N, C-alpha and C. Protein backbone atom coordinates (compact mmCIF):
# COMPACT_ATOMS: atom_id res chain seq x y z
N UNK A 1 86.86 24.41 -71.40
CA UNK A 1 87.67 25.12 -72.35
C UNK A 1 86.46 25.93 -73.27
N UNK A 2 85.24 25.43 -73.48
CA UNK A 2 84.38 26.21 -74.05
C UNK A 2 84.11 27.41 -73.40
N UNK A 3 83.80 27.54 -72.16
CA UNK A 3 83.59 28.65 -71.25
C UNK A 3 84.90 29.75 -71.49
N UNK A 4 85.96 29.33 -71.36
CA UNK A 4 87.14 30.00 -71.53
C UNK A 4 87.20 30.77 -72.96
N UNK A 5 86.95 29.98 -73.92
CA UNK A 5 87.04 30.56 -75.49
C UNK A 5 85.94 31.55 -75.40
N UNK A 6 84.80 31.10 -74.86
CA UNK A 6 83.66 32.28 -74.92
C UNK A 6 84.03 33.44 -74.24
N UNK A 7 84.60 33.34 -73.16
CA UNK A 7 85.11 34.55 -72.45
C UNK A 7 86.10 35.46 -73.12
N UNK A 8 87.17 34.94 -73.72
CA UNK A 8 88.02 35.41 -74.81
C UNK A 8 87.14 36.25 -75.77
N UNK A 9 86.40 35.69 -76.29
CA UNK A 9 85.54 36.21 -77.52
C UNK A 9 84.85 37.38 -76.97
N UNK A 10 84.11 37.24 -75.67
CA UNK A 10 83.41 38.38 -75.06
C UNK A 10 84.36 39.60 -74.77
N UNK A 11 85.48 39.35 -74.49
CA UNK A 11 86.48 40.29 -74.19
C UNK A 11 87.03 41.01 -75.53
N UNK A 12 86.87 40.46 -76.63
CA UNK A 12 87.40 41.02 -77.97
C UNK A 12 88.77 40.32 -78.27
N UNK A 13 89.17 39.19 -77.62
CA UNK A 13 90.34 38.90 -77.89
C UNK A 13 90.34 37.65 -78.81
N UNK A 14 90.09 38.22 -79.98
CA UNK A 14 89.97 37.21 -81.32
C UNK A 14 90.95 36.33 -81.74
N UNK A 15 92.32 36.58 -81.16
CA UNK A 15 93.44 35.62 -81.50
C UNK A 15 94.02 34.88 -80.33
N UNK A 16 93.00 34.67 -79.32
CA UNK A 16 93.10 33.81 -78.28
C UNK A 16 92.27 32.49 -78.19
N UNK A 17 92.99 31.49 -78.07
CA UNK A 17 92.01 30.18 -77.83
C UNK A 17 92.65 29.17 -77.45
N UNK A 18 91.98 28.53 -76.49
CA UNK A 18 92.75 27.34 -75.63
C UNK A 18 92.08 25.95 -76.34
N UNK A 19 92.86 25.06 -76.54
CA UNK A 19 92.46 23.66 -77.45
C UNK A 19 92.92 22.53 -76.37
N UNK A 20 92.13 22.00 -75.66
CA UNK A 20 92.49 20.77 -74.88
C UNK A 20 93.22 21.19 -73.75
N UNK A 21 93.56 20.00 -72.87
CA UNK A 21 94.37 20.19 -71.87
C UNK A 21 95.70 20.21 -72.21
N UNK A 22 96.56 20.54 -71.20
CA UNK A 22 98.04 20.56 -71.59
C UNK A 22 98.55 19.26 -71.54
N UNK A 23 99.56 18.93 -72.27
CA UNK A 23 100.02 17.64 -72.38
C UNK A 23 99.18 16.47 -72.85
N UNK A 24 97.89 16.79 -73.33
CA UNK A 24 97.12 15.64 -73.72
C UNK A 24 96.85 15.99 -75.24
N UNK A 25 96.49 14.81 -75.84
CA UNK A 25 95.99 15.17 -77.34
C UNK A 25 95.17 16.23 -77.73
N UNK A 26 95.25 16.94 -78.62
CA UNK A 26 94.16 18.21 -78.78
C UNK A 26 93.12 17.45 -79.60
N UNK A 27 91.81 18.15 -79.45
CA UNK A 27 90.73 17.62 -80.13
C UNK A 27 90.75 17.70 -81.75
N UNK A 28 90.16 16.98 -82.44
CA UNK A 28 90.08 16.92 -83.88
C UNK A 28 88.70 17.69 -84.17
N UNK A 29 89.35 18.48 -85.09
CA UNK A 29 88.18 19.42 -85.77
C UNK A 29 87.17 18.86 -86.66
N UNK A 30 86.11 19.31 -87.13
CA UNK A 30 85.36 18.52 -88.14
C UNK A 30 85.93 18.44 -89.46
N UNK A 31 86.92 19.30 -89.90
CA UNK A 31 87.67 19.05 -90.98
C UNK A 31 88.86 18.08 -90.95
N UNK A 32 88.93 17.40 -89.68
CA UNK A 32 89.95 16.25 -89.63
C UNK A 32 91.24 16.90 -89.01
N UNK A 33 91.51 18.16 -88.81
CA UNK A 33 92.82 18.59 -88.32
C UNK A 33 92.60 18.62 -86.79
N UNK A 34 93.95 19.02 -86.27
CA UNK A 34 94.00 19.09 -84.92
C UNK A 34 93.80 20.40 -84.36
N UNK A 35 92.94 20.55 -83.35
CA UNK A 35 92.70 22.08 -82.79
C UNK A 35 94.08 22.36 -82.33
N UNK A 36 94.37 23.85 -82.38
CA UNK A 36 95.40 24.35 -81.82
C UNK A 36 95.28 25.40 -80.86
N UNK A 37 96.03 25.80 -79.89
CA UNK A 37 96.05 26.82 -78.92
C UNK A 37 96.78 28.05 -79.59
N UNK A 38 96.14 29.10 -79.46
CA UNK A 38 96.67 30.42 -80.15
C UNK A 38 96.72 31.62 -79.12
N UNK A 39 97.62 32.42 -79.24
CA UNK A 39 97.47 33.95 -78.55
C UNK A 39 98.41 34.78 -79.33
N UNK A 40 97.95 36.02 -79.12
CA UNK A 40 98.73 37.00 -79.84
C UNK A 40 99.24 38.02 -78.82
N UNK A 41 100.19 38.83 -79.23
CA UNK A 41 100.74 39.90 -78.30
C UNK A 41 99.86 40.83 -77.76
N UNK A 42 98.95 41.28 -79.12
CA UNK A 42 97.86 42.19 -78.75
C UNK A 42 96.92 41.96 -77.55
N UNK A 43 96.61 40.62 -77.79
CA UNK A 43 95.52 40.09 -76.74
C UNK A 43 96.15 39.90 -75.46
N UNK A 44 97.57 39.25 -75.38
CA UNK A 44 98.22 39.21 -74.07
C UNK A 44 98.56 40.75 -73.35
N UNK A 45 98.75 41.48 -74.15
CA UNK A 45 98.93 43.01 -73.84
C UNK A 45 97.71 43.78 -73.37
N UNK A 46 96.66 43.50 -73.77
CA UNK A 46 95.26 44.02 -73.46
C UNK A 46 95.11 43.26 -72.13
N UNK A 47 95.17 42.05 -72.12
CA UNK A 47 94.79 41.29 -70.64
C UNK A 47 95.66 41.85 -69.55
N UNK A 48 96.88 42.20 -69.83
CA UNK A 48 97.88 42.71 -68.81
C UNK A 48 97.32 44.17 -68.49
N UNK A 49 97.09 44.91 -69.51
CA UNK A 49 96.75 46.26 -69.19
C UNK A 49 95.42 46.23 -68.19
N UNK A 50 94.50 45.36 -68.58
CA UNK A 50 93.23 45.19 -67.73
C UNK A 50 93.50 44.75 -66.49
N UNK A 51 94.05 44.00 -66.27
CA UNK A 51 94.64 43.40 -65.09
C UNK A 51 95.14 44.51 -64.11
N UNK A 52 96.07 45.24 -64.51
CA UNK A 52 96.91 46.26 -64.04
C UNK A 52 95.76 47.59 -63.58
N UNK A 53 94.97 47.77 -64.63
CA UNK A 53 94.05 48.74 -64.23
C UNK A 53 92.98 48.19 -63.25
N UNK A 54 92.64 46.99 -62.78
CA UNK A 54 91.94 46.42 -62.00
C UNK A 54 90.44 46.22 -62.81
N UNK A 55 90.51 46.16 -64.19
CA UNK A 55 89.29 45.91 -64.93
C UNK A 55 89.27 44.56 -65.51
N UNK A 56 90.01 43.81 -65.27
CA UNK A 56 89.89 42.41 -65.74
C UNK A 56 89.11 41.71 -64.83
N UNK A 57 87.90 41.40 -65.26
CA UNK A 57 86.76 40.54 -64.38
C UNK A 57 86.27 41.50 -63.28
N UNK A 58 87.24 41.81 -62.20
CA UNK A 58 86.91 42.71 -61.21
C UNK A 58 88.10 43.31 -60.60
N UNK A 59 87.99 44.37 -59.84
CA UNK A 59 89.40 44.81 -58.99
C UNK A 59 89.85 43.72 -58.24
N UNK A 60 89.05 42.93 -57.29
CA UNK A 60 89.50 41.98 -56.46
C UNK A 60 90.23 40.86 -57.33
N UNK A 61 89.48 40.48 -58.57
CA UNK A 61 89.92 39.28 -59.30
C UNK A 61 91.21 39.69 -59.97
N UNK A 62 91.33 41.19 -60.33
CA UNK A 62 92.61 41.48 -61.01
C UNK A 62 93.81 41.34 -59.91
N UNK A 63 93.38 41.98 -58.87
CA UNK A 63 94.58 41.94 -57.81
C UNK A 63 94.97 40.56 -57.40
N UNK A 64 94.03 39.57 -57.30
CA UNK A 64 94.66 38.16 -56.92
C UNK A 64 95.46 37.55 -58.07
N UNK A 65 95.04 37.95 -59.30
CA UNK A 65 95.85 37.39 -60.49
C UNK A 65 97.11 37.98 -60.30
N UNK A 66 97.41 39.34 -59.88
CA UNK A 66 98.68 40.02 -59.90
C UNK A 66 99.35 39.22 -58.77
N UNK A 67 98.73 38.93 -57.67
CA UNK A 67 99.42 38.29 -56.48
C UNK A 67 100.07 36.87 -56.96
N UNK A 68 99.21 36.18 -57.65
CA UNK A 68 99.71 34.91 -58.26
C UNK A 68 100.89 34.94 -59.24
N UNK A 69 100.69 36.01 -60.10
CA UNK A 69 101.69 36.09 -61.18
C UNK A 69 102.95 36.93 -60.51
N UNK A 70 102.97 37.56 -59.45
CA UNK A 70 104.23 38.13 -58.79
C UNK A 70 104.91 37.21 -58.22
N UNK A 71 104.41 35.86 -57.91
CA UNK A 71 105.08 34.74 -57.41
C UNK A 71 105.92 34.02 -58.39
N UNK A 72 105.66 34.10 -59.75
CA UNK A 72 106.19 33.58 -60.82
C UNK A 72 107.82 33.45 -60.95
N UNK A 73 108.41 32.61 -60.73
CA UNK A 73 109.62 32.42 -60.48
C UNK A 73 110.59 32.43 -61.92
N UNK A 74 109.88 32.12 -62.97
CA UNK A 74 110.54 32.11 -64.33
C UNK A 74 110.20 33.60 -64.92
N UNK A 75 110.92 34.19 -65.87
CA UNK A 75 110.52 35.36 -66.53
C UNK A 75 111.73 35.92 -67.22
N UNK A 76 111.32 36.12 -68.62
CA UNK A 76 112.50 36.41 -69.49
C UNK A 76 112.77 37.79 -69.17
N UNK A 77 111.99 38.59 -68.82
CA UNK A 77 112.09 40.13 -68.36
C UNK A 77 112.93 40.30 -67.05
N UNK A 78 112.70 39.36 -66.15
CA UNK A 78 113.34 39.86 -64.84
C UNK A 78 114.69 40.02 -64.63
N UNK A 79 115.52 39.41 -65.51
CA UNK A 79 116.98 39.69 -65.38
C UNK A 79 117.41 41.34 -65.60
N UNK A 80 116.48 41.97 -66.20
CA UNK A 80 116.55 43.35 -66.72
C UNK A 80 116.13 44.30 -65.63
N UNK A 81 115.67 43.97 -64.50
CA UNK A 81 115.15 44.70 -63.58
C UNK A 81 115.24 44.31 -62.10
N UNK A 82 115.35 45.12 -61.18
CA UNK A 82 115.49 44.72 -59.67
C UNK A 82 114.11 44.05 -59.20
N UNK A 83 113.66 43.01 -59.79
CA UNK A 83 112.43 42.43 -59.21
C UNK A 83 112.43 41.80 -57.89
N UNK A 84 111.29 42.16 -57.16
CA UNK A 84 111.15 41.55 -56.04
C UNK A 84 110.18 40.62 -56.12
N UNK A 85 110.25 39.19 -55.79
CA UNK A 85 109.28 38.32 -56.08
C UNK A 85 108.75 38.19 -54.54
N UNK A 86 107.25 37.69 -54.69
CA UNK A 86 106.32 37.74 -53.53
C UNK A 86 105.68 36.46 -53.68
N UNK A 87 106.31 35.34 -52.96
CA UNK A 87 106.12 34.13 -53.32
C UNK A 87 104.88 33.54 -52.35
N UNK A 88 104.36 34.42 -51.19
CA UNK A 88 103.22 33.96 -50.75
C UNK A 88 102.01 34.54 -51.35
N UNK A 89 101.30 33.74 -52.23
CA UNK A 89 100.20 34.29 -52.86
C UNK A 89 99.05 34.40 -51.90
N UNK A 90 99.10 34.32 -50.56
CA UNK A 90 97.81 34.56 -49.83
C UNK A 90 98.00 35.78 -49.14
N UNK A 91 99.13 36.41 -49.24
CA UNK A 91 99.45 37.87 -48.54
C UNK A 91 99.15 38.81 -49.70
N UNK A 92 98.39 39.68 -49.26
CA UNK A 92 98.25 40.99 -50.42
C UNK A 92 99.29 41.46 -50.86
N UNK A 93 99.17 41.75 -52.32
CA UNK A 93 100.47 42.15 -52.82
C UNK A 93 100.56 43.80 -52.48
N UNK A 94 101.68 44.45 -52.17
CA UNK A 94 101.84 45.99 -51.75
C UNK A 94 101.24 46.77 -52.98
N UNK A 95 100.93 48.03 -52.70
CA UNK A 95 100.51 48.75 -53.73
C UNK A 95 101.85 49.21 -54.55
N UNK A 96 102.90 49.39 -53.81
CA UNK A 96 104.22 49.67 -54.61
C UNK A 96 105.19 48.81 -54.00
N UNK A 97 106.19 48.43 -54.64
CA UNK A 97 107.26 47.59 -53.92
C UNK A 97 108.14 48.36 -52.98
N UNK A 98 108.74 47.64 -52.37
CA UNK A 98 109.88 48.25 -51.37
C UNK A 98 111.08 49.06 -52.22
N UNK A 99 111.45 50.11 -51.68
CA UNK A 99 112.27 51.00 -52.31
C UNK A 99 113.48 50.13 -53.05
N UNK A 100 113.60 50.67 -54.33
CA UNK A 100 114.43 50.03 -55.13
C UNK A 100 114.07 48.76 -55.82
N UNK A 101 112.87 48.24 -55.60
CA UNK A 101 112.66 47.29 -56.29
C UNK A 101 111.44 47.32 -57.29
N UNK A 102 110.97 46.34 -58.01
CA UNK A 102 109.84 46.41 -58.98
C UNK A 102 108.99 45.21 -58.74
N UNK A 103 107.90 45.51 -58.69
CA UNK A 103 106.91 44.29 -58.85
C UNK A 103 106.53 43.75 -60.20
N UNK A 104 106.97 42.70 -60.50
CA UNK A 104 106.67 42.20 -61.83
C UNK A 104 105.71 41.05 -61.73
N UNK A 105 104.49 41.11 -62.44
CA UNK A 105 103.61 40.18 -62.46
C UNK A 105 103.67 39.43 -63.82
N UNK A 106 104.23 38.43 -64.35
CA UNK A 106 104.43 38.00 -65.40
C UNK A 106 103.90 36.57 -65.85
N UNK A 107 103.90 36.03 -66.86
CA UNK A 107 103.26 34.99 -67.31
C UNK A 107 104.32 34.43 -68.76
N UNK A 108 105.12 33.60 -68.44
CA UNK A 108 105.87 32.98 -69.66
C UNK A 108 105.35 31.88 -70.23
N UNK A 109 105.55 31.67 -71.58
CA UNK A 109 105.13 30.59 -72.32
C UNK A 109 105.58 30.32 -73.55
N UNK A 110 105.31 29.29 -74.20
CA UNK A 110 105.77 28.86 -75.45
C UNK A 110 104.56 28.18 -76.42
N UNK A 111 104.39 28.18 -77.49
CA UNK A 111 103.73 27.61 -78.44
C UNK A 111 104.68 26.60 -79.52
N UNK A 112 104.31 25.65 -79.46
CA UNK A 112 104.81 24.62 -80.44
C UNK A 112 106.38 24.56 -80.48
N UNK A 113 107.05 24.93 -79.34
CA UNK A 113 108.32 25.00 -79.11
C UNK A 113 109.06 25.70 -80.22
N UNK A 114 108.30 26.86 -80.82
CA UNK A 114 108.59 27.50 -81.83
C UNK A 114 108.66 29.32 -81.46
N UNK A 115 107.43 29.52 -80.67
CA UNK A 115 107.22 30.69 -80.26
C UNK A 115 107.42 31.03 -78.85
N UNK A 116 108.26 31.73 -78.34
CA UNK A 116 108.19 32.20 -76.94
C UNK A 116 107.72 33.47 -76.55
N UNK A 117 107.17 33.52 -75.56
CA UNK A 117 106.52 34.87 -75.00
C UNK A 117 106.66 35.05 -73.45
N UNK A 118 106.70 36.21 -73.27
CA UNK A 118 106.53 36.75 -71.82
C UNK A 118 105.57 37.76 -71.95
N UNK A 119 104.84 38.20 -70.84
CA UNK A 119 103.97 39.28 -70.68
C UNK A 119 104.07 39.68 -69.27
N UNK A 120 104.07 40.95 -68.92
CA UNK A 120 104.23 41.28 -67.59
C UNK A 120 103.46 42.60 -67.43
N UNK A 121 103.00 42.89 -66.11
CA UNK A 121 102.62 44.18 -65.54
C UNK A 121 103.75 44.61 -64.70
N UNK A 122 104.12 45.83 -64.68
CA UNK A 122 105.29 46.15 -63.99
C UNK A 122 104.70 47.34 -63.08
N UNK A 123 105.26 47.31 -61.59
CA UNK A 123 104.88 48.45 -60.90
C UNK A 123 106.29 49.01 -60.25
N UNK A 124 106.64 50.27 -60.35
CA UNK A 124 107.95 50.69 -59.86
C UNK A 124 107.79 51.30 -58.56
N UNK A 125 108.78 51.29 -57.76
CA UNK A 125 108.56 52.02 -56.26
C UNK A 125 107.89 53.25 -56.22
N UNK A 126 107.94 54.29 -57.33
CA UNK A 126 107.26 55.58 -57.33
C UNK A 126 105.88 55.49 -57.71
N UNK A 127 105.52 54.23 -57.85
CA UNK A 127 104.17 53.82 -58.50
C UNK A 127 103.81 53.85 -60.06
N UNK A 128 104.91 54.13 -60.75
CA UNK A 128 104.77 54.11 -62.29
C UNK A 128 104.31 52.83 -62.49
N UNK A 129 103.33 52.52 -63.68
CA UNK A 129 102.99 51.17 -63.88
C UNK A 129 103.16 51.08 -65.49
N UNK A 130 103.33 49.92 -65.99
CA UNK A 130 103.58 49.69 -67.36
C UNK A 130 103.38 48.17 -67.67
N UNK A 131 103.16 47.72 -69.15
CA UNK A 131 103.18 46.49 -69.42
C UNK A 131 103.98 46.33 -70.57
N UNK A 132 104.57 45.07 -70.56
CA UNK A 132 105.33 44.76 -71.67
C UNK A 132 104.90 43.19 -72.30
N UNK A 133 104.82 43.06 -73.48
CA UNK A 133 104.48 41.71 -74.02
C UNK A 133 105.38 41.39 -75.20
N UNK A 134 106.12 40.47 -75.30
CA UNK A 134 106.97 40.05 -76.36
C UNK A 134 106.57 38.73 -76.84
N UNK A 135 106.37 38.53 -78.11
CA UNK A 135 106.42 37.14 -78.81
C UNK A 135 107.48 37.09 -79.83
N UNK A 136 108.23 35.94 -79.91
CA UNK A 136 109.37 35.63 -80.82
C UNK A 136 109.09 34.48 -81.47
N UNK A 137 109.43 34.40 -82.49
CA UNK A 137 109.38 33.27 -83.46
C UNK A 137 110.55 32.85 -83.92
N UNK A 138 111.40 32.14 -83.24
CA UNK A 138 112.91 31.75 -83.63
C UNK A 138 113.14 30.39 -83.01
N UNK A 139 113.90 29.70 -83.65
CA UNK A 139 114.40 28.39 -83.14
C UNK A 139 115.71 28.72 -82.12
N UNK A 140 116.06 29.80 -81.95
CA UNK A 140 117.14 30.24 -81.22
C UNK A 140 116.74 30.89 -79.87
N UNK A 141 116.42 30.07 -78.96
CA UNK A 141 115.80 30.51 -77.48
C UNK A 141 116.68 31.44 -76.94
N UNK A 142 118.10 31.02 -77.11
CA UNK A 142 119.08 32.07 -76.45
C UNK A 142 118.67 33.56 -76.97
N UNK A 143 118.80 33.55 -78.28
CA UNK A 143 118.50 34.79 -79.07
C UNK A 143 117.26 35.63 -78.68
N UNK A 144 116.08 34.80 -78.49
CA UNK A 144 114.86 35.29 -77.99
C UNK A 144 115.13 35.78 -76.62
N UNK A 145 115.75 35.01 -75.75
CA UNK A 145 115.66 35.42 -74.32
C UNK A 145 116.42 36.85 -74.29
N UNK A 146 117.54 36.82 -75.00
CA UNK A 146 118.31 38.09 -75.08
C UNK A 146 117.65 39.36 -75.62
N UNK A 147 116.76 38.93 -76.63
CA UNK A 147 115.91 40.14 -77.15
C UNK A 147 114.81 40.80 -76.10
N UNK A 148 114.41 39.75 -75.38
CA UNK A 148 113.11 40.02 -74.39
C UNK A 148 113.87 40.78 -73.28
N UNK A 149 115.04 40.42 -72.73
CA UNK A 149 115.82 41.02 -71.79
C UNK A 149 116.20 42.32 -71.97
N UNK A 150 116.73 42.79 -73.37
CA UNK A 150 117.03 43.91 -73.79
C UNK A 150 115.71 44.81 -74.16
N UNK A 151 114.69 44.42 -74.46
CA UNK A 151 113.58 45.20 -74.45
C UNK A 151 113.07 45.57 -73.09
N UNK A 152 113.10 44.61 -72.27
CA UNK A 152 112.65 44.88 -70.63
C UNK A 152 113.55 46.09 -70.19
N UNK A 153 114.79 45.94 -70.28
CA UNK A 153 115.77 47.14 -69.97
C UNK A 153 115.49 48.33 -70.60
N UNK A 154 115.14 48.34 -71.82
CA UNK A 154 114.89 49.60 -72.22
C UNK A 154 113.52 50.26 -71.79
N UNK A 155 112.49 49.45 -71.39
CA UNK A 155 111.37 49.78 -70.98
C UNK A 155 111.70 50.40 -69.40
N UNK A 156 112.47 49.48 -68.83
CA UNK A 156 112.86 49.98 -67.37
C UNK A 156 113.29 51.45 -67.30
N UNK A 157 114.48 51.70 -68.14
CA UNK A 157 115.14 52.80 -68.16
C UNK A 157 114.22 53.83 -68.65
N UNK A 158 113.43 53.77 -69.55
CA UNK A 158 112.41 54.74 -70.17
C UNK A 158 111.55 55.27 -68.75
N UNK A 159 111.10 54.14 -67.95
CA UNK A 159 110.26 54.58 -67.03
C UNK A 159 110.99 55.16 -65.71
N UNK A 160 112.23 54.98 -65.77
CA UNK A 160 113.13 55.72 -64.77
C UNK A 160 113.07 57.23 -64.82
N UNK A 161 113.25 57.41 -66.39
CA UNK A 161 113.52 58.88 -66.79
C UNK A 161 112.24 59.70 -66.84
N UNK A 162 111.17 58.94 -67.05
CA UNK A 162 109.87 59.52 -67.20
C UNK A 162 109.46 60.37 -66.16
C-alpha cells in the first residue's frame, strides 16, 4: 500500500489514498484515528483519461487495464449505452467495437456505503473516445444510479452528434 500511495502522489493524485486491505481493519494513525481510503472524481477522471490515451504507466499496461475493465459486468453507466462486454481478458481488446456497440472500460465502487462512484473510458464504433466519472453522496442508491445513468445517456447522445 505504501508503494501504491507513493505512485498516486508521483502522478499528482493528491486526493487518492489506499488504507489497508479490503474487508480488514484499517491501520491506526499516530493520532489514534483509523486511516481511511480516499478518492476524488478529478483523480479518477485523470486516471481514465491517461489510460485511454495509453500514457498511464505505458501503452501496453494501459491497454491491459482497458481489457480487464472492459470485462466488468457491473456498471452504473452501462444501461445508457449499447455496451459490448469483452469477458475474455486474455484476448486483445479491439481498437473500435463492433458496429452499433460501445466499448466501456469501467470501475465502480463505493466509500463508506455513502459515496457511490463509477468511472469509465468509452470508445464508440467510429473511434470517438471519452471518459466519464461521477461520484455521488447520497443515501438513496436508486437516485444515485438514476443520476449516473442519465449523465451517461447525455454523454453518449452528445458523442453521437459530434
